[in-house]
C-alpha atoms as a PDB file:
ATOM      1  CA  MET A   1       0.982  58.258 -24.214  1.00  0.00           C
ATOM      2  CA  ALA A   2       3.229  56.347 -26.620  1.00  0.00           C
ATOM      3  CA  GLY A   3       0.616  53.573 -26.847  1.00  0.00           C
ATOM      4  CA  ALA A   4      -2.058  56.063 -27.894  1.00  0.00           C
ATOM      5  CA  VAL A   5       0.210  57.486 -30.587  1.00  0.00           C
ATOM      6  CA  GLN A   6       0.975  54.001 -31.902  1.00  0.00           C
ATOM      7  CA  THR A   7      -2.743  53.156 -31.966  1.00  0.00           C
ATOM      8  CA  MET A   8      -3.465  56.361 -33.865  1.00  0.00           C
ATOM      9  CA  MET A   9      -0.616  55.634 -36.284  1.00  0.00           C
ATOM     10  CA  ARG A  10      -2.125  52.231 -37.053  1.00  0.00           C
ATOM     11  CA  GLU A  11      -5.538  53.819 -37.568  1.00  0.00           C
ATOM     12  CA  VAL A  12      -4.164  55.986 -40.386  1.00  0.00           C
ATOM     13  CA  LEU A  13      -2.906  53.972 -43.359  1.00  0.00           C
ATOM     14  CA  ASP A  14      -0.855  55.015 -46.358  1.00  0.00           C
ATOM     15  CA  ILE A  15      -1.764  53.896 -49.873  1.00  0.00           C
ATOM     16  CA  ARG A  16       0.291  50.697 -49.672  1.00  0.00           C
ATOM     17  CA  GLN A  17      -1.123  49.637 -46.298  1.00  0.00           C
ATOM     18  CA  ALA A  18      -4.690  50.493 -47.294  1.00  0.00           C
ATOM     19  CA  SER A  19      -4.437  48.630 -50.606  1.00  0.00           C
ATOM     20  CA  GLU A  20      -3.157  45.533 -48.785  1.00  0.00           C
ATOM     21  CA  TYR A  21      -5.941  45.887 -46.205  1.00  0.00           C
ATOM     22  CA  LEU A  22      -8.598  46.114 -48.929  1.00  0.00           C
ATOM     23  CA  GLY A  23      -6.985  43.535 -51.215  1.00  0.00           C
ATOM     24  CA  ILE A  24      -6.749  45.812 -54.261  1.00  0.00           C
ATOM     25  CA  SER A  25      -3.835  47.266 -56.188  1.00  0.00           C
ATOM     26  CA  ASP A  26      -2.195  50.568 -55.282  1.00  0.00           C
ATOM     27  CA  ASP A  27      -3.219  51.999 -58.672  1.00  0.00           C
ATOM     28  CA  THR A  28      -6.889  51.093 -58.187  1.00  0.00           C
ATOM     29  CA  LEU A  29      -6.944  52.583 -54.689  1.00  0.00           C
ATOM     30  CA  TYR A  30      -5.252  55.770 -55.917  1.00  0.00           C
ATOM     31  CA  ARG A  31      -7.906  56.106 -58.641  1.00  0.00           C
ATOM     32  CA  TYR A  32     -10.737  55.479 -56.146  1.00  0.00           C
ATOM     33  CA  ALA A  33      -9.327  58.126 -53.774  1.00  0.00           C
ATOM     34  CA  SER A  34      -8.811  60.662 -56.581  1.00  0.00           C
ATOM     35  CA  GLU A  35     -12.389  60.180 -57.808  1.00  0.00           C
ATOM     36  CA  GLY A  36     -13.838  60.438 -54.269  1.00  0.00           C
ATOM     37  CA  PHE A  37     -15.222  56.898 -54.463  1.00  0.00           C
ATOM     38  CA  ILE A  38     -13.531  55.823 -51.227  1.00  0.00           C
ATOM     39  CA  PRO A  39     -13.062  57.826 -47.998  1.00  0.00           C
ATOM     40  CA  ALA A  40      -9.580  59.339 -48.009  1.00  0.00           C
ATOM     41  CA  PHE A  41      -7.732  62.547 -47.260  1.00  0.00           C
ATOM     42  CA  LYS A  42      -4.456  64.094 -48.297  1.00  0.00           C
ATOM     43  CA  LEU A  43      -1.715  64.820 -45.822  1.00  0.00           C
ATOM     44  CA  GLY A  44       0.663  67.012 -47.772  1.00  0.00           C
ATOM     45  CA  ASN A  45       0.664  65.413 -51.194  1.00  0.00           C
ATOM     46  CA  ARG A  46       0.081  61.844 -49.960  1.00  0.00           C
ATOM     47  CA  TRP A  47      -3.210  59.991 -49.654  1.00  0.00           C
ATOM     48  CA  ARG A  48      -4.113  58.674 -46.209  1.00  0.00           C
ATOM     49  CA  PHE A  49      -6.960  56.397 -45.127  1.00  0.00           C
ATOM     50  CA  LYS A  50      -8.556  55.915 -41.698  1.00  0.00           C
ATOM     51  CA  ARG A  51      -9.080  52.224 -41.044  1.00  0.00           C
ATOM     52  CA  SER A  52     -12.406  52.853 -39.241  1.00  0.00           C
ATOM     53  CA  LEU A  53     -13.753  54.831 -42.230  1.00  0.00           C
ATOM     54  CA  LEU A  54     -12.654  52.088 -44.631  1.00  0.00           C
ATOM     55  CA  ASP A  55     -14.450  49.521 -42.449  1.00  0.00           C
ATOM     56  CA  ALA A  56     -17.634  51.618 -42.433  1.00  0.00           C
ATOM     57  CA  TRP A  57     -17.365  52.135 -46.209  1.00  0.00           C
ATOM     58  CA  MET A  58     -17.028  48.378 -46.787  1.00  0.00           C
ATOM     59  CA  VAL A  59     -20.058  47.664 -44.582  1.00  0.00           C
ATOM     60  CA  GLU A  60     -22.080  50.261 -46.486  1.00  0.00           C
ATOM     61  CA  LYS A  61     -21.065  48.895 -49.891  1.00  0.00           C
ATOM     62  CA  SER A  62     -21.597  45.268 -48.931  1.00  0.00           C
ATOM     63  CA  ALA A  63     -25.103  46.079 -47.678  1.00  0.00           C
ATOM     64  CA  GLY A  64     -26.053  47.150 -51.217  1.00  0.00           C
ATOM     65  CA  ARG A  65     -26.733  50.773 -50.294  1.00  0.00           C
ATOM     66  CA  SER A  66     -25.381  53.900 -51.996  1.00  0.00           C
ATOM     67  CA  GLY A  67     -24.691  52.469 -55.408  1.00  0.00           C
ATOM     68  CA  GLY A  68     -23.125  49.219 -54.349  1.00  0.00           C
ATOM     69  CA  VAL A  69     -23.119  46.576 -57.027  1.00  0.00           C
ATOM     70  CA  ALA A  70     -25.100  43.437 -56.289  1.00  0.00           C
ATOM     71  CA  VAL A  71     -23.526  40.369 -57.833  1.00  0.00           C
ATOM     72  CA  MET A  72     -25.970  37.677 -58.821  1.00  0.00           C
ATOM     73  CA  PRO A  73     -24.821  34.108 -59.355  1.00  0.00           C
ATOM     74  CA  LYS A  74     -24.886  32.912 -62.936  1.00  0.00           C
ATOM     75  CA  GLN A  75     -27.876  30.842 -63.833  1.00  0.00           C
ATOM     76  CA  ARG A  76     -27.268  27.684 -65.760  1.00  0.00           C
ATOM     77  CA  LYS A  77     -28.809  27.236 -69.145  1.00  0.00           C
ATOM     78  CA  PRO A  78     -31.479  24.567 -69.255  1.00  0.00           C
ATOM     79  CA  MET A  79     -30.036  21.297 -70.449  1.00  0.00           C
ATOM     80  CA  GLY A  80     -31.487  19.500 -73.415  1.00  0.00           C
ATOM     81  CA  ARG A  81     -33.469  16.330 -72.916  1.00  0.00           C
ATOM     82  CA  ALA A  82     -31.482  13.222 -72.217  1.00  0.00           C
ATOM     83  CA  ARG A  83     -31.607  10.747 -75.085  1.00  0.00           C
END
């Protein structure tokens, strides 16, 4: 029973843990959660994040669906003729 509770506790992250997991700042994650951009819920007055939902959200965004931003590599300018 204690193992299941510990597993569930690790599944639910606070803002600090989630920001470290995603590699973004606490402030950015708080803004994303407040704007509904990222899956989150409030427990009392604190934001919480389910790790499995964050994983699914990252997969969705990296696949280029639902408004994900595609980053194209910069193209080099053509070089002048060699003299």
